[in-house]
C-alpha cells in the first residue's frame, strides 16, 4: 500500500546473539579489581578522617559566610542559590 516500503520481516538470529566481546558489555566488579592496582583497595583511617574533617571545615565556612551575608543585607536570602552552589562545589575539592 503506497510507497512506504515497510519491511515486516523480523531478524531474530542476529539480534538475540550477543557476543561476550561486544563493546557494549560492562565489566564486572571482579574484572575491575583485577585491572586496578592493589593499593587502591587498602583502606586508611587517617585519609578517611582527613576527608571528614575537611568537609566539616568547608561546610562550617560556607555556613558562617552565608549567615554573615544574610545578616548584613536586607535581602540576603536571595544569595541562597550561591550558598547552595558553593556547598555542591566543595564536594569536588
C-alpha atoms as a PDB file:
ATOM      1  CA  UNK A   1       0.000   0.000   0.000  1.00  0.00           C
ATOM      2  CA  UNK A   2       1.653   3.176  -1.087  1.00  0.00           C
ATOM      3  CA  UNK A   3       5.349   3.953  -1.291  1.00  0.00           C
ATOM      4  CA  UNK A   4       6.150   3.354   2.381  1.00  0.00           C
ATOM      5  CA  UNK A   5       8.209   0.243   1.734  1.00  0.00           C
ATOM      6  CA  UNK A   6       7.623  -1.147   5.217  1.00  0.00           C
ATOM      7  CA  UNK A   7       9.557  -4.301   5.928  1.00  0.00           C
ATOM      8  CA  UNK A   8       7.671  -6.602   8.300  1.00  0.00           C
ATOM      9  CA  UNK A   9      10.326  -9.328   8.359  1.00  0.00           C
ATOM     10  CA  UNK A  10      11.959  -9.664  11.802  1.00  0.00           C
ATOM     11  CA  UNK A  11      15.529 -10.883  12.026  1.00  0.00           C
ATOM     12  CA  UNK A  12      15.970 -12.762  15.294  1.00  0.00           C
ATOM     13  CA  UNK A  13      19.232 -14.607  14.783  1.00  0.00           C
ATOM     14  CA  UNK A  14      21.455 -11.508  14.739  1.00  0.00           C
ATOM     15  CA  UNK A  15      19.628  -9.549  17.471  1.00  0.00           C
ATOM     16  CA  UNK A  16      19.401 -12.348  20.051  1.00  0.00           C
ATOM     17  CA  UNK A  17      23.039 -13.482  19.930  1.00  0.00           C
ATOM     18  CA  UNK A  18      25.234 -11.035  21.859  1.00  0.00           C
ATOM     19  CA  UNK A  19      28.931 -11.790  21.817  1.00  0.00           C
ATOM     20  CA  UNK A  20      30.812 -11.553  25.124  1.00  0.00           C
ATOM     21  CA  UNK A  21      33.455  -9.382  23.440  1.00  0.00           C
ATOM     22  CA  UNK A  22      30.836  -6.814  22.500  1.00  0.00           C
ATOM     23  CA  UNK A  23      31.974  -3.238  23.252  1.00  0.00           C
ATOM     24  CA  UNK A  24      28.629  -2.564  24.963  1.00  0.00           C
ATOM     25  CA  UNK A  25      29.157  -5.114  27.750  1.00  0.00           C
ATOM     26  CA  UNK A  26      30.029  -3.570  31.110  1.00  0.00           C
ATOM     27  CA  UNK A  27      32.854  -5.126  33.145  1.00  0.00           C
ATOM     28  CA  UNK A  28      32.060  -6.951  36.347  1.00  0.00           C
ATOM     29  CA  UNK A  29      33.388  -5.875  39.737  1.00  0.00           C
ATOM     30  CA  UNK A  30      35.896  -8.728  39.825  1.00  0.00           C
ATOM     31  CA  UNK A  31      37.240  -7.721  36.386  1.00  0.00           C
ATOM     32  CA  UNK A  32      37.709  -4.159  37.591  1.00  0.00           C
ATOM     33  CA  UNK A  33      39.534  -5.299  40.742  1.00  0.00           C
ATOM     34  CA  UNK A  34      41.922  -7.412  38.656  1.00  0.00           C
ATOM     35  CA  UNK A  35      42.801  -4.460  36.413  1.00  0.00           C
ATOM     36  CA  UNK A  36      43.360  -1.913  39.212  1.00  0.00           C
ATOM     37  CA  UNK A  37      46.483  -1.957  41.390  1.00  0.00           C
ATOM     38  CA  UNK A  38      46.030  -3.455  44.876  1.00  0.00           C
ATOM     39  CA  UNK A  39      46.988  -0.251  46.727  1.00  0.00           C
ATOM     40  CA  UNK A  40      43.682   1.268  45.581  1.00  0.00           C
ATOM     41  CA  UNK A  41      41.775  -1.154  47.823  1.00  0.00           C
ATOM     42  CA  UNK A  42      43.740  -0.601  51.048  1.00  0.00           C
ATOM     43  CA  UNK A  43      41.585   1.433  53.438  1.00  0.00           C
ATOM     44  CA  UNK A  44      43.360   4.048  55.529  1.00  0.00           C
ATOM     45  CA  UNK A  45      41.608   5.573  58.527  1.00  0.00           C
ATOM     46  CA  UNK A  46      43.900   8.594  58.500  1.00  0.00           C
ATOM     47  CA  UNK A  47      42.997   9.572  54.940  1.00  0.00           C
ATOM     48  CA  UNK A  48      39.293   8.897  55.500  1.00  0.00           C
ATOM     49  CA  UNK A  49      39.187  11.058  58.611  1.00  0.00           C
ATOM     50  CA  UNK A  50      41.069  13.848  56.844  1.00  0.00           C
ATOM     51  CA  UNK A  51      38.257  13.951  54.250  1.00  0.00           C
ATOM     52  CA  UNK A  52      35.650  14.106  57.016  1.00  0.00           C
ATOM     53  CA  UNK A  53      37.456  16.952  58.790  1.00  0.00           C
ATOM     54  CA  UNK A  54      37.998  18.841  55.537  1.00  0.00           C
ATOM     55  CA  UNK A  55      34.310  18.528  54.636  1.00  0.00           C
ATOM     56  CA  UNK A  56      33.307  19.736  58.097  1.00  0.00           C
ATOM     57  CA  UNK A  57      35.573  22.796  57.757  1.00  0.00           C
ATOM     58  CA  UNK A  58      34.157  23.653  54.316  1.00  0.00           C
ATOM     59  CA  UNK A  59      30.565  23.290  55.499  1.00  0.00           C
ATOM     60  CA  UNK A  60      31.242  25.431  58.570  1.00  0.00           C
ATOM     61  CA  UNK A  61      32.986  28.093  56.480  1.00  0.00           C
ATOM     62  CA  UNK A  62      30.150  28.365  53.970  1.00  0.00           C
ATOM     63  CA  UNK A  63      27.542  28.414  56.763  1.00  0.00           C
ATOM     64  CA  UNK A  64      29.296  31.262  58.578  1.00  0.00           C
ATOM     65  CA  UNK A  65      29.749  33.154  55.313  1.00  0.00           C
ATOM     66  CA  UNK A  66      26.081  32.798  54.392  1.00  0.00           C
ATOM     67  CA  UNK A  67      24.965  33.747  57.891  1.00  0.00           C
ATOM     68  CA  UNK A  68      27.033  36.948  57.700  1.00  0.00           C
ATOM     69  CA  UNK A  69      25.648  37.785  54.260  1.00  0.00           C
ATOM     70  CA  UNK A  70      22.099  37.219  55.452  1.00  0.00           C
ATOM     71  CA  UNK A  71      22.503  39.495  58.468  1.00  0.00           C
ATOM     72  CA  UNK A  72      24.309  42.275  56.577  1.00  0.00           C
ATOM     73  CA  UNK A  73      21.919  42.599  53.636  1.00  0.00           C
ATOM     74  CA  UNK A  74      18.210  43.245  53.760  1.00  0.00           C
ATOM     75  CA  UNK A  75      17.554  40.658  51.042  1.00  0.00           C
ATOM     76  CA  UNK A  76      20.364  38.308  51.980  1.00  0.00           C
ATOM     77  CA  UNK A  77      18.155  35.289  51.453  1.00  0.00           C
ATOM     78  CA  UNK A  78      18.459  35.929  47.719  1.00  0.00           C
ATOM     79  CA  UNK A  79      22.065  34.733  47.961  1.00  0.00           C
ATOM     80  CA  UNK A  80      20.996  31.219  48.948  1.00  0.00           C
ATOM     81  CA  UNK A  81      21.438  29.846  45.406  1.00  0.00           C
ATOM     82  CA  UNK A  82      25.090  30.929  45.613  1.00  0.00           C
ATOM     83  CA  UNK A  83      25.344  29.199  49.001  1.00  0.00           C
ATOM     84  CA  UNK A  84      23.894  26.009  47.560  1.00  0.00           C
ATOM     85  CA  UNK A  85      26.286  26.197  44.613  1.00  0.00           C
ATOM     86  CA  UNK A  86      29.263  26.618  46.953  1.00  0.00           C
ATOM     87  CA  UNK A  87      28.121  23.665  49.066  1.00  0.00           C
ATOM     88  CA  UNK A  88      27.914  21.491  45.964  1.00  0.00           C
ATOM     89  CA  UNK A  89      31.232  22.789  44.648  1.00  0.00           C
ATOM     90  CA  UNK A  90      33.095  21.778  47.791  1.00  0.00           C
ATOM     91  CA  UNK A  91      32.225  18.153  47.156  1.00  0.00           C
ATOM     92  CA  UNK A  92      34.841  18.046  44.409  1.00  0.00           C
ATOM     93  CA  UNK A  93      37.650  19.587  46.443  1.00  0.00           C
END
